[in-house]
């Protein structure tokens, strides 16, 4: 495993971390399907064995369950790992789905809950979970996090954003920014370069594009395309069914088809024997502005494949050129 500086924080992080959304499970939906807690804990522990020291979660993943699993799996090695979690999704404590709350009272309440679930007394990177742009621009919210930092409850201030504008607005107030970056959506390049100039760490989420940059996904479609008896339409993505609660089930078939078509094209263009997931991770890691990529995983086999990407050869300049980078 290779390691990188995490912005100006002084932290050294494994360049491939573990994204822990999926292990929250599917009890409340808004996830990636059914999980097994025993498998999840094995995956976390295997990550540590293979040199991964960065774990990203959020209090809303499985409504606290992801944090609970991390607390159980990492409590004996807490001083050797870096835990990043998020705050803002208040719906898990009652109220309407999707509600958020970034008041000081709520953040303090949610932080104590996260600390208990994670079995720790300090969060390494505490991230605002997709706050609205107007709140970021007002900047008062960051004063709340600085208070918590002075109190020793959190070590570093982070934010997870949806848009380039949100990320740029937060640059002067945070130690890290989490944003989407992958082969199919490298559209945050301007943000990651600006963050590097400011000494702000970048956490690249969805480096596998919700699992669409994997051999499992493109092979499944290939099988369905080849089997005319089971094909229900000319659009094979319509046959790609995810279980209820999996966020990918809500995606329009045409969108899924587009992702898969592009993923197949990329695999063909690069023409290397490694799994597509490893090539996708290597692509994101080619940008030294990125501190850590956080592919999700639900079992130790996925973890082993993901983390092995750190050791495979870099993509060639020709590969990066054909990918438009």
C-alpha atoms as a PDB file:
ATOM      1  CA  UNK A   1       0.000   0.000   0.000  1.00  0.00           C
ATOM      2  CA  UNK A   2       1.231   3.458  -0.877  1.00  0.00           C
ATOM      3  CA  UNK A   3       0.520   6.510   1.277  1.00  0.00           C
ATOM      4  CA  UNK A   4      -0.082  10.186   0.581  1.00  0.00           C
ATOM      5  CA  UNK A   5      -0.153  13.444   2.501  1.00  0.00           C
ATOM      6  CA  UNK A   6      -3.653  14.480   3.503  1.00  0.00           C
ATOM      7  CA  UNK A   7      -3.442  18.125   2.580  1.00  0.00           C
ATOM      8  CA  UNK A   8      -1.818  20.305   5.215  1.00  0.00           C
ATOM      9  CA  UNK A   9      -3.078  18.218   8.152  1.00  0.00           C
ATOM     10  CA  UNK A  10       0.141  16.269   8.679  1.00  0.00           C
ATOM     11  CA  UNK A  11      -1.765  13.000   8.309  1.00  0.00           C
ATOM     12  CA  UNK A  12      -0.431  10.251   6.056  1.00  0.00           C
ATOM     13  CA  UNK A  13      -3.257   8.245   4.548  1.00  0.00           C
ATOM     14  CA  UNK A  14      -3.383   5.064   2.515  1.00  0.00           C
ATOM     15  CA  UNK A  15      -4.050   6.156  -1.050  1.00  0.00           C
ATOM     16  CA  UNK A  16      -6.928   3.677  -1.160  1.00  0.00           C
ATOM     17  CA  UNK A  17      -9.340   3.810   1.738  1.00  0.00           C
ATOM     18  CA  UNK A  18     -12.588   1.997   2.479  1.00  0.00           C
ATOM     19  CA  UNK A  19     -15.880   3.671   1.716  1.00  0.00           C
ATOM     20  CA  UNK A  20     -18.356   2.416   4.314  1.00  0.00           C
ATOM     21  CA  UNK A  21     -21.737   3.420   2.919  1.00  0.00           C
ATOM     22  CA  UNK A  22     -22.559  -0.085   1.703  1.00  0.00           C
ATOM     23  CA  UNK A  23     -21.845  -1.861   4.993  1.00  0.00           C
ATOM     24  CA  UNK A  24     -24.569   0.191   6.649  1.00  0.00           C
ATOM     25  CA  UNK A  25     -26.919  -2.384   5.162  1.00  0.00           C
ATOM     26  CA  UNK A  26     -30.246  -2.121   3.435  1.00  0.00           C
ATOM     27  CA  UNK A  27     -32.673  -2.083   6.352  1.00  0.00           C
ATOM     28  CA  UNK A  28     -33.557   1.545   5.678  1.00  0.00           C
ATOM     29  CA  UNK A  29     -32.875   1.555   1.931  1.00  0.00           C
ATOM     30  CA  UNK A  30     -30.696   4.258   0.365  1.00  0.00           C
ATOM     31  CA  UNK A  31     -27.816   1.809   0.153  1.00  0.00           C
ATOM     32  CA  UNK A  32     -26.257  -0.864  -2.041  1.00  0.00           C
ATOM     33  CA  UNK A  33     -28.239  -3.944  -1.160  1.00  0.00           C
ATOM     34  CA  UNK A  34     -28.158  -6.672   1.457  1.00  0.00           C
ATOM     35  CA  UNK A  35     -25.095  -7.082   3.635  1.00  0.00           C
ATOM     36  CA  UNK A  36     -23.860  -9.496   6.269  1.00  0.00           C
ATOM     37  CA  UNK A  37     -22.348  -7.924   9.387  1.00  0.00           C
ATOM     38  CA  UNK A  38     -19.850 -10.747   9.827  1.00  0.00           C
ATOM     39  CA  UNK A  39     -18.608 -10.196   6.276  1.00  0.00           C
ATOM     40  CA  UNK A  40     -18.478  -6.444   6.841  1.00  0.00           C
ATOM     41  CA  UNK A  41     -16.344  -6.748   9.961  1.00  0.00           C
ATOM     42  CA  UNK A  42     -14.023  -9.194   8.198  1.00  0.00           C
ATOM     43  CA  UNK A  43     -13.689  -6.697   5.355  1.00  0.00           C
ATOM     44  CA  UNK A  44     -12.779  -3.860   7.733  1.00  0.00           C
ATOM     45  CA  UNK A  45     -10.195  -5.949   9.552  1.00  0.00           C
ATOM     46  CA  UNK A  46      -8.739  -7.250   6.298  1.00  0.00           C
ATOM     47  CA  UNK A  47      -8.373  -3.661   5.136  1.00  0.00           C
ATOM     48  CA  UNK A  48      -6.178  -2.880   8.125  1.00  0.00           C
ATOM     49  CA  UNK A  49      -4.103  -6.013   7.537  1.00  0.00           C
ATOM     50  CA  UNK A  50      -3.442  -4.881   3.960  1.00  0.00           C
ATOM     51  CA  UNK A  51      -2.307  -1.411   4.996  1.00  0.00           C
ATOM     52  CA  UNK A  52      -5.504   0.604   4.643  1.00  0.00           C
ATOM     53  CA  UNK A  53      -5.727   3.233   7.380  1.00  0.00           C
ATOM     54  CA  UNK A  54      -8.552   5.441   6.088  1.00  0.00           C
ATOM     55  CA  UNK A  55     -12.241   4.714   6.657  1.00  0.00           C
ATOM     56  CA  UNK A  56     -14.998   7.031   5.487  1.00  0.00           C
ATOM     57  CA  UNK A  57     -18.559   6.763   6.752  1.00  0.00           C
ATOM     58  CA  UNK A  58     -21.526   8.929   7.763  1.00  0.00           C
ATOM     59  CA  UNK A  59     -24.015   8.788  10.585  1.00  0.00           C
ATOM     60  CA  UNK A  60     -26.874   8.233   8.120  1.00  0.00           C
ATOM     61  CA  UNK A  61     -25.327   5.123   6.526  1.00  0.00           C
ATOM     62  CA  UNK A  62     -27.650   2.417   7.801  1.00  0.00           C
ATOM     63  CA  UNK A  63     -28.850   5.038  10.310  1.00  0.00           C
ATOM     64  CA  UNK A  64     -25.754   4.571  12.419  1.00  0.00           C
ATOM     65  CA  UNK A  65     -25.030   0.932  11.627  1.00  0.00           C
ATOM     66  CA  UNK A  66     -21.968   1.631   9.498  1.00  0.00           C
ATOM     67  CA  UNK A  67     -20.421   3.608  12.352  1.00  0.00           C
ATOM     68  CA  UNK A  68     -21.301   0.834  14.804  1.00  0.00           C
ATOM     69  CA  UNK A  69     -19.508  -1.770  12.686  1.00  0.00           C
ATOM     70  CA  UNK A  70     -16.433   0.411  12.385  1.00  0.00           C
ATOM     71  CA  UNK A  71     -16.431   0.905  16.139  1.00  0.00           C
ATOM     72  CA  UNK A  72     -16.533  -2.835  16.736  1.00  0.00           C
ATOM     73  CA  UNK A  73     -13.917  -3.687  14.116  1.00  0.00           C
ATOM     74  CA  UNK A  74     -11.418  -0.900  14.785  1.00  0.00           C
ATOM     75  CA  UNK A  75     -11.552  -0.387  18.543  1.00  0.00           C
ATOM     76  CA  UNK A  76      -8.340  -2.374  19.127  1.00  0.00           C
ATOM     77  CA  UNK A  77      -6.402  -0.507  16.432  1.00  0.00           C
ATOM     78  CA  UNK A  78      -7.978   2.913  16.872  1.00  0.00           C
ATOM     79  CA  UNK A  79      -4.623   4.682  17.199  1.00  0.00           C
ATOM     80  CA  UNK A  80      -3.472   3.276  13.844  1.00  0.00           C
ATOM     81  CA  UNK A  81      -6.433   4.339  11.687  1.00  0.00           C
ATOM     82  CA  UNK A  82      -8.103   7.526  10.495  1.00  0.00           C
ATOM     83  CA  UNK A  83     -11.891   7.737  10.681  1.00  0.00           C
ATOM     84  CA  UNK A  84     -13.864  10.287   8.712  1.00  0.00           C
ATOM     85  CA  UNK A  85     -17.584  10.613   9.303  1.00  0.00           C
ATOM     86  CA  UNK A  86     -20.276  13.116   8.389  1.00  0.00           C
ATOM     87  CA  UNK A  87     -23.062  15.108   9.988  1.00  0.00           C
ATOM     88  CA  UNK A  88     -26.197  16.868   8.801  1.00  0.00           C
ATOM     89  CA  UNK A  89     -28.766  14.239   7.901  1.00  0.00           C
ATOM     90  CA  UNK A  90     -31.193  14.741  10.755  1.00  0.00           C
ATOM     91  CA  UNK A  91     -33.928  12.465   9.386  1.00  0.00           C
ATOM     92  CA  UNK A  92     -32.389   9.443  11.105  1.00  0.00           C
ATOM     93  CA  UNK A  93     -33.491  10.879  14.446  1.00  0.00           C
ATOM     94  CA  UNK A  94     -37.057  11.437  13.316  1.00  0.00           C
ATOM     95  CA  UNK A  95     -38.679  13.701  10.816  1.00  0.00           C
ATOM     96  CA  UNK A  96     -39.153  13.638   7.088  1.00  0.00           C
ATOM     97  CA  UNK A  97     -36.829  11.678   4.811  1.00  0.00           C
ATOM     98  CA  UNK A  98     -33.983  13.820   3.494  1.00  0.00           C
ATOM     99  CA  UNK A  99     -34.218  16.463   6.199  1.00  0.00           C
ATOM    100  CA  UNK A 100     -30.966  18.106   7.257  1.00  0.00           C
ATOM    101  CA  UNK A 101     -29.913  20.196  10.236  1.00  0.00           C
ATOM    102  CA  UNK A 102     -26.657  22.119  10.606  1.00  0.00           C
ATOM    103  CA  UNK A 103     -27.410  24.037  13.790  1.00  0.00           C
ATOM    104  CA  UNK A 104     -24.816  23.975  16.570  1.00  0.00           C
ATOM    105  CA  UNK A 105     -27.238  22.224  18.890  1.00  0.00           C
ATOM    106  CA  UNK A 106     -27.884  19.458  16.384  1.00  0.00           C
ATOM    107  CA  UNK A 107     -24.241  19.030  15.363  1.00  0.00           C
ATOM    108  CA  UNK A 108     -23.202  18.638  18.997  1.00  0.00           C
ATOM    109  CA  UNK A 109     -26.000  16.121  19.587  1.00  0.00           C
ATOM    110  CA  UNK A 110     -25.129  14.100  16.462  1.00  0.00           C
ATOM    111  CA  UNK A 111     -21.408  14.184  17.204  1.00  0.00           C
ATOM    112  CA  UNK A 112     -21.895  12.592  20.619  1.00  0.00           C
ATOM    113  CA  UNK A 113     -23.979   9.849  19.020  1.00  0.00           C
ATOM    114  CA  UNK A 114     -21.278   9.204  16.407  1.00  0.00           C
ATOM    115  CA  UNK A 115     -18.531   9.130  19.037  1.00  0.00           C
ATOM    116  CA  UNK A 116     -20.454   6.491  20.983  1.00  0.00           C
ATOM    117  CA  UNK A 117     -21.109   4.313  17.934  1.00  0.00           C
ATOM    118  CA  UNK A 118     -17.500   4.581  16.777  1.00  0.00           C
ATOM    119  CA  UNK A 119     -16.228   3.807  20.287  1.00  0.00           C
ATOM    120  CA  UNK A 120     -13.859   6.742  20.246  1.00  0.00           C
ATOM    121  CA  UNK A 121     -13.445  10.107  21.959  1.00  0.00           C
ATOM    122  CA  UNK A 122     -12.376  12.058  18.886  1.00  0.00           C
ATOM    123  CA  UNK A 123     -13.303  12.057  15.185  1.00  0.00           C
ATOM    124  CA  UNK A 124     -10.277  12.445  12.915  1.00  0.00           C
ATOM    125  CA  UNK A 125     -12.156  14.194  10.099  1.00  0.00           C
ATOM    126  CA  UNK A 126     -15.639  15.538  10.758  1.00  0.00           C
ATOM    127  CA  UNK A 127     -17.400  16.422   7.516  1.00  0.00           C
ATOM    128  CA  UNK A 128     -20.489  18.493   6.846  1.00  0.00           C
ATOM    129  CA  UNK A 129     -22.694  16.212   4.762  1.00  0.00           C
ATOM    130  CA  UNK A 130     -23.742  18.095   1.616  1.00  0.00           C
ATOM    131  CA  UNK A 131     -24.804  21.412   3.159  1.00  0.00           C
ATOM    132  CA  UNK A 132     -26.521  23.929   0.857  1.00  0.00           C
ATOM    133  CA  UNK A 133     -24.397  26.484  -0.956  1.00  0.00           C
ATOM    134  CA  UNK A 134     -25.875  29.481   0.857  1.00  0.00           C
ATOM    135  CA  UNK A 135     -24.879  27.948   4.194  1.00  0.00           C
ATOM    136  CA  UNK A 136     -21.326  27.347   2.987  1.00  0.00           C
ATOM    137  CA  UNK A 137     -21.019  30.928   1.763  1.00  0.00           C
ATOM    138  CA  UNK A 138     -22.173  32.348   5.100  1.00  0.00           C
ATOM    139  CA  UNK A 139     -19.261  30.475   6.705  1.00  0.00           C
ATOM    140  CA  UNK A 140     -20.614  30.681  10.283  1.00  0.00           C
ATOM    141  CA  UNK A 141     -21.094  26.941  10.302  1.00  0.00           C
ATOM    142  CA  UNK A 142     -17.343  26.405  10.224  1.00  0.00           C
ATOM    143  CA  UNK A 143     -17.030  28.315  13.498  1.00  0.00           C
ATOM    144  CA  UNK A 144     -19.116  25.581  15.109  1.00  0.00           C
ATOM    145  CA  UNK A 145     -16.639  22.956  13.933  1.00  0.00           C
ATOM    146  CA  UNK A 146     -13.689  25.044  15.106  1.00  0.00           C
ATOM    147  CA  UNK A 147     -15.204  25.101  18.586  1.00  0.00           C
ATOM    148  CA  UNK A 148     -15.431  21.310  18.536  1.00  0.00           C
ATOM    149  CA  UNK A 149     -11.848  21.177  17.324  1.00  0.00           C
ATOM    150  CA  UNK A 150     -10.644  23.315  20.241  1.00  0.00           C
ATOM    151  CA  UNK A 151     -12.605  21.081  22.615  1.00  0.00           C
ATOM    152  CA  UNK A 152     -10.755  18.028  21.298  1.00  0.00           C
ATOM    153  CA  UNK A 153     -13.890  16.376  19.904  1.00  0.00           C
ATOM    154  CA  UNK A 154     -12.666  16.482  16.290  1.00  0.00           C
ATOM    155  CA  UNK A 155      -9.188  16.755  14.776  1.00  0.00           C
ATOM    156  CA  UNK A 156      -9.878  18.196  11.329  1.00  0.00           C
ATOM    157  CA  UNK A 157     -12.740  19.921   9.510  1.00  0.00           C
ATOM    158  CA  UNK A 158     -14.112  18.511   6.276  1.00  0.00           C
ATOM    159  CA  UNK A 159     -17.025  18.847   3.901  1.00  0.00           C
ATOM    160  CA  UNK A 160     -18.732  16.583   1.388  1.00  0.00           C
ATOM    161  CA  UNK A 161     -20.097  18.424  -1.643  1.00  0.00           C
ATOM    162  CA  UNK A 162     -22.129  17.794  -4.769  1.00  0.00           C
ATOM    163  CA  UNK A 163     -20.978  20.649  -6.981  1.00  0.00           C
ATOM    164  CA  UNK A 164     -17.835  22.466  -8.015  1.00  0.00           C
ATOM    165  CA  UNK A 165     -19.273  25.757  -6.746  1.00  0.00           C
ATOM    166  CA  UNK A 166     -19.901  24.285  -3.289  1.00  0.00           C
ATOM    167  CA  UNK A 167     -16.369  22.950  -3.086  1.00  0.00           C
ATOM    168  CA  UNK A 168     -14.765  26.209  -4.180  1.00  0.00           C
ATOM    169  CA  UNK A 169     -16.867  28.157  -1.656  1.00  0.00           C
ATOM    170  CA  UNK A 170     -15.574  25.937   1.172  1.00  0.00           C
ATOM    171  CA  UNK A 171     -11.869  25.975   0.268  1.00  0.00           C
ATOM    172  CA  UNK A 172     -10.867  28.678   2.757  1.00  0.00           C
ATOM    173  CA  UNK A 173     -12.596  27.030   5.717  1.00  0.00           C
ATOM    174  CA  UNK A 174     -11.839  23.305   5.626  1.00  0.00           C
ATOM    175  CA  UNK A 175      -8.996  20.820   5.817  1.00  0.00           C
ATOM    176  CA  UNK A 176     -10.587  18.401   3.354  1.00  0.00           C
ATOM    177  CA  UNK A 177     -13.207  18.227   0.626  1.00  0.00           C
ATOM    178  CA  UNK A 178     -14.977  15.082  -0.501  1.00  0.00           C
ATOM    179  CA  UNK A 179     -16.266  15.017  -4.077  1.00  0.00           C
ATOM    180  CA  UNK A 180     -17.099  12.639  -6.905  1.00  0.00           C
ATOM    181  CA  UNK A 181     -14.207  11.799  -9.217  1.00  0.00           C
ATOM    182  CA  UNK A 182     -13.931   8.827 -11.569  1.00  0.00           C
ATOM    183  CA  UNK A 183     -13.293   7.794 -15.163  1.00  0.00           C
ATOM    184  CA  UNK A 184     -16.855   8.562 -16.170  1.00  0.00           C
ATOM    185  CA  UNK A 185     -17.151  11.815 -14.206  1.00  0.00           C
ATOM    186  CA  UNK A 186     -13.757  13.567 -13.977  1.00  0.00           C
ATOM    187  CA  UNK A 187     -15.587  16.905 -13.905  1.00  0.00           C
ATOM    188  CA  UNK A 188     -14.186  18.031 -10.533  1.00  0.00           C
ATOM    189  CA  UNK A 189     -10.645  18.432 -11.871  1.00  0.00           C
ATOM    190  CA  UNK A 190     -10.737  22.201 -11.348  1.00  0.00           C
ATOM    191  CA  UNK A 191     -11.740  21.694  -7.714  1.00  0.00           C
ATOM    192  CA  UNK A 192      -9.060  19.148  -6.883  1.00  0.00           C
ATOM    193  CA  UNK A 193      -6.376  21.356  -8.406  1.00  0.00           C
ATOM    194  CA  UNK A 194      -7.599  24.387  -6.466  1.00  0.00           C
ATOM    195  CA  UNK A 195      -7.612  22.314  -3.283  1.00  0.00           C
ATOM    196  CA  UNK A 196      -4.016  21.299  -3.848  1.00  0.00           C
ATOM    197  CA  UNK A 197      -2.980  24.956  -4.088  1.00  0.00           C
ATOM    198  CA  UNK A 198      -4.713  25.625  -0.746  1.00  0.00           C
ATOM    199  CA  UNK A 199      -3.289  22.550   0.980  1.00  0.00           C
ATOM    200  CA  UNK A 200      -6.755  21.020   1.295  1.00  0.00           C
ATOM    201  CA  UNK A 201      -6.994  17.229   1.177  1.00  0.00           C
ATOM    202  CA  UNK A 202      -9.257  15.647  -1.425  1.00  0.00           C
ATOM    203  CA  UNK A 203     -11.287  12.513  -0.728  1.00  0.00           C
ATOM    204  CA  UNK A 204     -12.433  11.101  -4.073  1.00  0.00           C
ATOM    205  CA  UNK A 205     -15.733   9.316  -3.622  1.00  0.00           C
ATOM    206  CA  UNK A 206     -17.480   6.987  -6.072  1.00  0.00           C
ATOM    207  CA  UNK A 207     -14.213   6.129  -7.878  1.00  0.00           C
ATOM    208  CA  UNK A 208     -16.015   3.040  -9.220  1.00  0.00           C
ATOM    209  CA  UNK A 209     -19.088   5.096 -10.211  1.00  0.00           C
ATOM    210  CA  UNK A 210     -21.561   3.274  -7.949  1.00  0.00           C
ATOM    211  CA  UNK A 211     -20.154  -0.083  -9.075  1.00  0.00           C
ATOM    212  CA  UNK A 212     -20.611   0.533 -12.810  1.00  0.00           C
ATOM    213  CA  UNK A 213     -16.834   0.585 -13.301  1.00  0.00           C
ATOM    214  CA  UNK A 214     -16.501  -3.097 -12.413  1.00  0.00           C
ATOM    215  CA  UNK A 215     -16.216  -6.277 -14.447  1.00  0.00           C
ATOM    216  CA  UNK A 216     -19.143  -7.745 -12.533  1.00  0.00           C
ATOM    217  CA  UNK A 217     -21.446  -5.060 -13.881  1.00  0.00           C
ATOM    218  CA  UNK A 218     -20.342  -5.064 -17.494  1.00  0.00           C
ATOM    219  CA  UNK A 219     -20.161  -8.867 -17.599  1.00  0.00           C
ATOM    220  CA  UNK A 220     -23.680  -9.170 -16.255  1.00  0.00           C
ATOM    221  CA  UNK A 221     -24.988  -7.019 -19.045  1.00  0.00           C
ATOM    222  CA  UNK A 222     -22.930  -8.930 -21.586  1.00  0.00           C
ATOM    223  CA  UNK A 223     -24.514 -12.178 -20.426  1.00  0.00           C
ATOM    224  CA  UNK A 224     -28.016 -10.745 -20.749  1.00  0.00           C
ATOM    225  CA  UNK A 225     -27.270  -9.360 -24.182  1.00  0.00           C
ATOM    226  CA  UNK A 226     -26.087 -12.779 -25.307  1.00  0.00           C
ATOM    227  CA  UNK A 227     -29.193 -14.533 -24.001  1.00  0.00           C
ATOM    228  CA  UNK A 228     -31.961 -13.491 -26.375  1.00  0.00           C
ATOM    229  CA  UNK A 229     -34.501 -15.681 -24.609  1.00  0.00           C
ATOM    230  CA  UNK A 230     -34.336 -13.622 -21.404  1.00  0.00           C
ATOM    231  CA  UNK A 231     -33.933 -10.227 -22.986  1.00  0.00           C
ATOM    232  CA  UNK A 232     -37.095  -8.207 -22.432  1.00  0.00           C
ATOM    233  CA  UNK A 233     -36.142  -5.323 -24.678  1.00  0.00           C
ATOM    234  CA  UNK A 234     -33.412  -3.948 -26.877  1.00  0.00           C
ATOM    235  CA  UNK A 235     -32.111  -2.049 -23.864  1.00  0.00           C
ATOM    236  CA  UNK A 236     -30.143  -4.530 -21.710  1.00  0.00           C
ATOM    237  CA  UNK A 237     -29.976  -2.085 -18.791  1.00  0.00           C
ATOM    238  CA  UNK A 238     -33.712  -2.609 -18.281  1.00  0.00           C
ATOM    239  CA  UNK A 239     -32.872  -6.165 -17.289  1.00  0.00           C
ATOM    240  CA  UNK A 240     -30.314  -5.038 -14.730  1.00  0.00           C
ATOM    241  CA  UNK A 241     -32.468  -5.183 -11.607  1.00  0.00           C
ATOM    242  CA  UNK A 242     -31.263  -4.194  -8.155  1.00  0.00           C
ATOM    243  CA  UNK A 243     -33.080  -5.028  -4.973  1.00  0.00           C
ATOM    244  CA  UNK A 244     -35.442  -2.583  -3.313  1.00  0.00           C
ATOM    245  CA  UNK A 245     -33.557   0.105  -1.440  1.00  0.00           C
ATOM    246  CA  UNK A 246     -30.476  -0.075  -3.651  1.00  0.00           C
ATOM    247  CA  UNK A 247     -29.949   3.454  -4.977  1.00  0.00           C
ATOM    248  CA  UNK A 248     -29.103   2.075  -8.428  1.00  0.00           C
ATOM    249  CA  UNK A 249     -32.603   0.663  -8.831  1.00  0.00           C
ATOM    250  CA  UNK A 250     -33.910   4.234  -8.984  1.00  0.00           C
ATOM    251  CA  UNK A 251     -31.624   5.196 -11.867  1.00  0.00           C
ATOM    252  CA  UNK A 252     -33.308   5.510 -15.279  1.00  0.00           C
ATOM    253  CA  UNK A 253     -32.541   2.526 -17.537  1.00  0.00           C
ATOM    254  CA  UNK A 254     -31.143   4.790 -20.236  1.00  0.00           C
ATOM    255  CA  UNK A 255     -28.692   6.302 -17.749  1.00  0.00           C
ATOM    256  CA  UNK A 256     -27.536   2.879 -16.574  1.00  0.00           C
ATOM    257  CA  UNK A 257     -27.131   1.759 -20.164  1.00  0.00           C
ATOM    258  CA  UNK A 258     -24.998   4.806 -20.902  1.00  0.00           C
ATOM    259  CA  UNK A 259     -22.735   4.139 -17.915  1.00  0.00           C
ATOM    260  CA  UNK A 260     -22.262   0.515 -18.872  1.00  0.00           C
ATOM    261  CA  UNK A 261     -21.598   1.314 -22.520  1.00  0.00           C
ATOM    262  CA  UNK A 262     -18.898   3.791 -21.518  1.00  0.00           C
ATOM    263  CA  UNK A 263     -17.397   1.371 -18.989  1.00  0.00           C
ATOM    264  CA  UNK A 264     -17.151  -1.331 -21.668  1.00  0.00           C
ATOM    265  CA  UNK A 265     -15.512   1.117 -24.041  1.00  0.00           C
ATOM    266  CA  UNK A 266     -12.964   2.146 -21.413  1.00  0.00           C
ATOM    267  CA  UNK A 267     -12.082  -1.470 -20.639  1.00  0.00           C
ATOM    268  CA  UNK A 268     -11.507  -2.111 -24.329  1.00  0.00           C
ATOM    269  CA  UNK A 269      -9.451   1.051 -24.869  1.00  0.00           C
ATOM    270  CA  UNK A 270      -7.085   0.422 -21.973  1.00  0.00           C
ATOM    271  CA  UNK A 271      -6.712  -3.248 -22.928  1.00  0.00           C
ATOM    272  CA  UNK A 272      -5.018  -4.480 -19.756  1.00  0.00           C
ATOM    273  CA  UNK A 273      -5.611  -7.733 -17.874  1.00  0.00           C
ATOM    274  CA  UNK A 274      -6.330  -6.207 -14.468  1.00  0.00           C
ATOM    275  CA  UNK A 275      -9.937  -5.934 -13.253  1.00  0.00           C
ATOM    276  CA  UNK A 276     -11.744  -2.803 -14.410  1.00  0.00           C
ATOM    277  CA  UNK A 277     -12.178  -1.712 -10.781  1.00  0.00           C
ATOM    278  CA  UNK A 278      -8.414  -1.629 -10.286  1.00  0.00           C
ATOM    279  CA  UNK A 279      -7.904   0.336 -13.487  1.00  0.00           C
ATOM    280  CA  UNK A 280     -10.578   2.808 -12.391  1.00  0.00           C
ATOM    281  CA  UNK A 281      -8.851   3.320  -9.047  1.00  0.00           C
ATOM    282  CA  UNK A 282      -5.499   3.726 -10.775  1.00  0.00           C
ATOM    283  CA  UNK A 283      -7.041   6.388 -12.992  1.00  0.00           C
ATOM    284  CA  UNK A 284      -8.146   8.509 -10.022  1.00  0.00           C
ATOM    285  CA  UNK A 285      -4.804   7.991  -8.306  1.00  0.00           C
ATOM    286  CA  UNK A 286      -2.997   9.341 -11.368  1.00  0.00           C
ATOM    287  CA  UNK A 287      -4.045  12.797 -10.118  1.00  0.00           C
ATOM    288  CA  UNK A 288      -1.675  13.653  -7.285  1.00  0.00           C
ATOM    289  CA  UNK A 289      -4.087  16.347  -6.126  1.00  0.00           C
ATOM    290  CA  UNK A 290      -6.197  13.506  -4.710  1.00  0.00           C
ATOM    291  CA  UNK A 291      -5.228  12.347  -1.229  1.00  0.00           C
ATOM    292  CA  UNK A 292      -7.322   9.182  -1.016  1.00  0.00           C
ATOM    293  CA  UNK A 293      -9.924   7.300  -3.048  1.00  0.00           C
ATOM    294  CA  UNK A 294     -12.697   5.514  -1.152  1.00  0.00           C
ATOM    295  CA  UNK A 295     -14.232   2.643  -3.121  1.00  0.00           C
ATOM    296  CA  UNK A 296     -17.027   0.896  -1.293  1.00  0.00           C
ATOM    297  CA  UNK A 297     -16.880  -2.782  -0.388  1.00  0.00           C
ATOM    298  CA  UNK A 298     -19.135  -5.295   1.364  1.00  0.00           C
ATOM    299  CA  UNK A 299     -16.754  -8.248   1.806  1.00  0.00           C
ATOM    300  CA  UNK A 300     -13.070  -9.036   2.115  1.00  0.00           C
ATOM    301  CA  UNK A 301     -12.761 -10.253  -1.487  1.00  0.00           C
ATOM    302  CA  UNK A 302     -13.817  -6.839  -2.759  1.00  0.00           C
ATOM    303  CA  UNK A 303     -11.436  -5.232  -0.286  1.00  0.00           C
ATOM    304  CA  UNK A 304      -8.523  -7.354  -1.491  1.00  0.00           C
ATOM    305  CA  UNK A 305      -9.214  -6.473  -5.117  1.00  0.00           C
ATOM    306  CA  UNK A 306      -9.577  -2.766  -4.366  1.00  0.00           C
ATOM    307  CA  UNK A 307      -6.476  -2.425  -2.227  1.00  0.00           C
ATOM    308  CA  UNK A 308      -4.337  -4.429  -4.657  1.00  0.00           C
ATOM    309  CA  UNK A 309      -4.782  -1.553  -7.116  1.00  0.00           C
ATOM    310  CA  UNK A 310      -2.160   0.390  -5.185  1.00  0.00           C
ATOM    311  CA  UNK A 311       0.510  -2.033  -6.398  1.00  0.00           C
ATOM    312  CA  UNK A 312      -0.395  -2.499 -10.063  1.00  0.00           C
ATOM    313  CA  UNK A 313       1.476  -0.480 -12.728  1.00  0.00           C
ATOM    314  CA  UNK A 314       0.316   3.069 -13.347  1.00  0.00           C
ATOM    315  CA  UNK A 315      -1.783   3.787 -16.396  1.00  0.00           C
ATOM    316  CA  UNK A 316       0.375   4.797 -19.324  1.00  0.00           C
ATOM    317  CA  UNK A 317       0.314   8.291 -20.760  1.00  0.00           C
ATOM    318  CA  UNK A 318      -1.425   6.814 -23.818  1.00  0.00           C
ATOM    319  CA  UNK A 319      -4.180   5.433 -21.588  1.00  0.00           C
ATOM    320  CA  UNK A 320      -4.710   8.781 -19.923  1.00  0.00           C
ATOM    321  CA  UNK A 321      -4.797  10.494 -23.299  1.00  0.00           C
ATOM    322  CA  UNK A 322      -7.457   8.213 -24.730  1.00  0.00           C
ATOM    323  CA  UNK A 323      -9.495   8.753 -21.580  1.00  0.00           C
ATOM    324  CA  UNK A 324      -9.353  12.475 -22.247  1.00  0.00           C
ATOM    325  CA  UNK A 325      -7.089  13.424 -19.353  1.00  0.00           C
END
